[in-house]
């Protein structure tokens, strides 16, 4: 591609295009980040509305993570992964362990 004008003018024009693209990409990246943050805010807001409705209308009780006894929970669910793998095997699925490993390792 042959640009019209002198070499310094062509270089200036190419630098202008390069920096315009760079600035545009930066603006697009920033806008994308802000959109993600806003989407998370909206989703969390609707999560709270759903939780409140379930508590008030359906009698659901939520336990916040800070209030949980994590060790007791781990103790209570110990062995569920083995049961799940065996259940899958009994139904003819031989890759149950691979599936469990995806989530536990």
C-alpha atoms as a PDB file:
ATOM      1  CA  UNK A   1       0.000   0.000   0.000  1.00  0.00           C
ATOM      2  CA  UNK A   2       1.459   3.336  -1.026  1.00  0.00           C
ATOM      3  CA  UNK A   3       0.462   6.248   1.183  1.00  0.00           C
ATOM      4  CA  UNK A   4       0.349   9.714  -0.333  1.00  0.00           C
ATOM      5  CA  UNK A   5       2.687  12.398   0.978  1.00  0.00           C
ATOM      6  CA  UNK A   6       6.199  12.516   2.325  1.00  0.00           C
ATOM      7  CA  UNK A   7       7.819   9.799   4.441  1.00  0.00           C
ATOM      8  CA  UNK A   8       7.515  11.806   7.716  1.00  0.00           C
ATOM      9  CA  UNK A   9       3.848  12.406   6.918  1.00  0.00           C
ATOM     10  CA  UNK A  10       3.319   8.723   6.202  1.00  0.00           C
ATOM     11  CA  UNK A  11       5.039   7.736   9.439  1.00  0.00           C
ATOM     12  CA  UNK A  12       2.918  10.239  11.362  1.00  0.00           C
ATOM     13  CA  UNK A  13      -0.213   8.840   9.748  1.00  0.00           C
ATOM     14  CA  UNK A  14       0.762   5.256  10.578  1.00  0.00           C
ATOM     15  CA  UNK A  15       1.577   6.213  14.174  1.00  0.00           C
ATOM     16  CA  UNK A  16      -1.795   7.946  14.394  1.00  0.00           C
ATOM     17  CA  UNK A  17      -3.538   4.767  13.187  1.00  0.00           C
ATOM     18  CA  UNK A  18      -1.537   2.584  15.568  1.00  0.00           C
ATOM     19  CA  UNK A  19      -2.258   4.712  18.633  1.00  0.00           C
ATOM     20  CA  UNK A  20      -5.893   5.170  17.613  1.00  0.00           C
ATOM     21  CA  UNK A  21      -6.253   1.391  17.518  1.00  0.00           C
ATOM     22  CA  UNK A  22      -4.432   1.019  20.854  1.00  0.00           C
ATOM     23  CA  UNK A  23      -6.611   3.671  22.513  1.00  0.00           C
ATOM     24  CA  UNK A  24      -9.747   2.143  20.987  1.00  0.00           C
ATOM     25  CA  UNK A  25      -8.763  -1.290  22.281  1.00  0.00           C
ATOM     26  CA  UNK A  26      -8.108   0.154  25.732  1.00  0.00           C
ATOM     27  CA  UNK A  27     -11.517   1.842  25.747  1.00  0.00           C
ATOM     28  CA  UNK A  28     -13.202  -1.385  24.620  1.00  0.00           C
ATOM     29  CA  UNK A  29     -11.379  -3.337  27.355  1.00  0.00           C
ATOM     30  CA  UNK A  30     -12.401  -0.818  30.021  1.00  0.00           C
ATOM     31  CA  UNK A  31     -16.020  -0.825  28.842  1.00  0.00           C
ATOM     32  CA  UNK A  32     -16.043  -4.616  28.867  1.00  0.00           C
ATOM     33  CA  UNK A  33     -14.692  -4.686  32.417  1.00  0.00           C
ATOM     34  CA  UNK A  34     -17.308  -2.188  33.577  1.00  0.00           C
ATOM     35  CA  UNK A  35     -20.053  -4.234  31.883  1.00  0.00           C
ATOM     36  CA  UNK A  36     -18.897  -7.380  33.694  1.00  0.00           C
ATOM     37  CA  UNK A  37     -18.829  -5.562  37.038  1.00  0.00           C
ATOM     38  CA  UNK A  38     -22.336  -4.179  36.430  1.00  0.00           C
ATOM     39  CA  UNK A  39     -23.651  -7.609  35.431  1.00  0.00           C
ATOM     40  CA  UNK A  40     -22.241  -9.106  38.631  1.00  0.00           C
ATOM     41  CA  UNK A  41     -23.881  -6.329  40.642  1.00  0.00           C
ATOM     42  CA  UNK A  42     -27.244  -6.978  38.987  1.00  0.00           C
ATOM     43  CA  UNK A  43     -26.947 -10.745  39.460  1.00  0.00           C
ATOM     44  CA  UNK A  44     -26.053 -10.365  43.126  1.00  0.00           C
ATOM     45  CA  UNK A  45     -28.949  -7.973  43.621  1.00  0.00           C
ATOM     46  CA  UNK A  46     -31.392 -10.450  42.118  1.00  0.00           C
ATOM     47  CA  UNK A  47     -29.835 -13.245  44.198  1.00  0.00           C
ATOM     48  CA  UNK A  48     -30.700 -11.312  47.358  1.00  0.00           C
ATOM     49  CA  UNK A  49     -34.260 -10.718  46.128  1.00  0.00           C
ATOM     50  CA  UNK A  50     -34.689 -14.431  45.410  1.00  0.00           C
ATOM     51  CA  UNK A  51     -33.267 -15.395  48.802  1.00  0.00           C
ATOM     52  CA  UNK A  52     -35.572 -12.954  50.582  1.00  0.00           C
ATOM     53  CA  UNK A  53     -38.623 -14.265  48.680  1.00  0.00           C
ATOM     54  CA  UNK A  54     -37.728 -17.892  49.412  1.00  0.00           C
ATOM     55  CA  UNK A  55     -37.256 -17.083  53.108  1.00  0.00           C
ATOM     56  CA  UNK A  56     -40.481 -15.107  53.473  1.00  0.00           C
ATOM     57  CA  UNK A  57     -42.797 -17.143  51.230  1.00  0.00           C
ATOM     58  CA  UNK A  58     -41.345 -20.642  51.147  1.00  0.00           C
ATOM     59  CA  UNK A  59     -39.846 -20.953  54.612  1.00  0.00           C
ATOM     60  CA  UNK A  60     -36.328 -21.607  53.316  1.00  0.00           C
ATOM     61  CA  UNK A  61     -33.513 -20.954  55.768  1.00  0.00           C
ATOM     62  CA  UNK A  62     -30.114 -19.886  54.481  1.00  0.00           C
ATOM     63  CA  UNK A  63     -26.903 -20.324  56.425  1.00  0.00           C
ATOM     64  CA  UNK A  64     -24.230 -17.814  55.562  1.00  0.00           C
ATOM     65  CA  UNK A  65     -20.745 -19.145  54.979  1.00  0.00           C
ATOM     66  CA  UNK A  66     -19.398 -17.202  57.964  1.00  0.00           C
ATOM     67  CA  UNK A  67     -21.904 -19.034  60.181  1.00  0.00           C
ATOM     68  CA  UNK A  68     -21.094 -22.507  58.866  1.00  0.00           C
ATOM     69  CA  UNK A  69     -19.118 -25.179  60.591  1.00  0.00           C
ATOM     70  CA  UNK A  70     -17.160 -26.273  57.525  1.00  0.00           C
ATOM     71  CA  UNK A  71     -15.471 -29.214  59.243  1.00  0.00           C
ATOM     72  CA  UNK A  72     -18.820 -30.720  60.271  1.00  0.00           C
ATOM     73  CA  UNK A  73     -20.098 -30.308  56.718  1.00  0.00           C
ATOM     74  CA  UNK A  74     -17.023 -32.028  55.275  1.00  0.00           C
ATOM     75  CA  UNK A  75     -17.521 -34.843  57.790  1.00  0.00           C
ATOM     76  CA  UNK A  76     -21.198 -35.178  56.867  1.00  0.00           C
ATOM     77  CA  UNK A  77     -20.541 -35.458  53.129  1.00  0.00           C
ATOM     78  CA  UNK A  78     -17.458 -37.654  53.418  1.00  0.00           C
ATOM     79  CA  UNK A  79     -17.901 -40.639  51.121  1.00  0.00           C
ATOM     80  CA  UNK A  80     -20.508 -39.071  48.847  1.00  0.00           C
ATOM     81  CA  UNK A  81     -18.072 -39.013  45.956  1.00  0.00           C
ATOM     82  CA  UNK A  82     -17.435 -42.770  46.257  1.00  0.00           C
ATOM     83  CA  UNK A  83     -21.184 -43.417  46.463  1.00  0.00           C
ATOM     84  CA  UNK A  84     -21.733 -41.284  43.352  1.00  0.00           C
ATOM     85  CA  UNK A  85     -19.055 -43.144  41.361  1.00  0.00           C
ATOM     86  CA  UNK A  86     -20.505 -46.514  42.389  1.00  0.00           C
ATOM     87  CA  UNK A  87     -24.015 -45.355  41.524  1.00  0.00           C
ATOM     88  CA  UNK A  88     -22.867 -44.300  38.059  1.00  0.00           C
ATOM     89  CA  UNK A  89     -21.046 -47.603  37.547  1.00  0.00           C
ATOM     90  CA  UNK A  90     -24.206 -49.523  38.525  1.00  0.00           C
ATOM     91  CA  UNK A  91     -26.009 -47.643  35.768  1.00  0.00           C
ATOM     92  CA  UNK A  92     -23.375 -48.530  33.163  1.00  0.00           C
ATOM     93  CA  UNK A  93     -21.237 -45.388  33.263  1.00  0.00           C
ATOM     94  CA  UNK A  94     -17.579 -46.272  33.618  1.00  0.00           C
ATOM     95  CA  UNK A  95     -16.224 -42.707  33.630  1.00  0.00           C
ATOM     96  CA  UNK A  96     -17.787 -41.636  36.932  1.00  0.00           C
ATOM     97  CA  UNK A  97     -14.424 -41.328  38.671  1.00  0.00           C
ATOM     98  CA  UNK A  98     -13.159 -39.059  35.897  1.00  0.00           C
ATOM     99  CA  UNK A  99     -16.169 -36.821  36.446  1.00  0.00           C
ATOM    100  CA  UNK A 100     -15.635 -36.650  40.209  1.00  0.00           C
ATOM    101  CA  UNK A 101     -11.931 -35.959  39.696  1.00  0.00           C
ATOM    102  CA  UNK A 102     -12.763 -32.920  37.556  1.00  0.00           C
ATOM    103  CA  UNK A 103     -14.433 -31.316  40.577  1.00  0.00           C
ATOM    104  CA  UNK A 104     -12.240 -32.544  43.403  1.00  0.00           C
ATOM    105  CA  UNK A 105      -8.687 -32.302  42.135  1.00  0.00           C
END
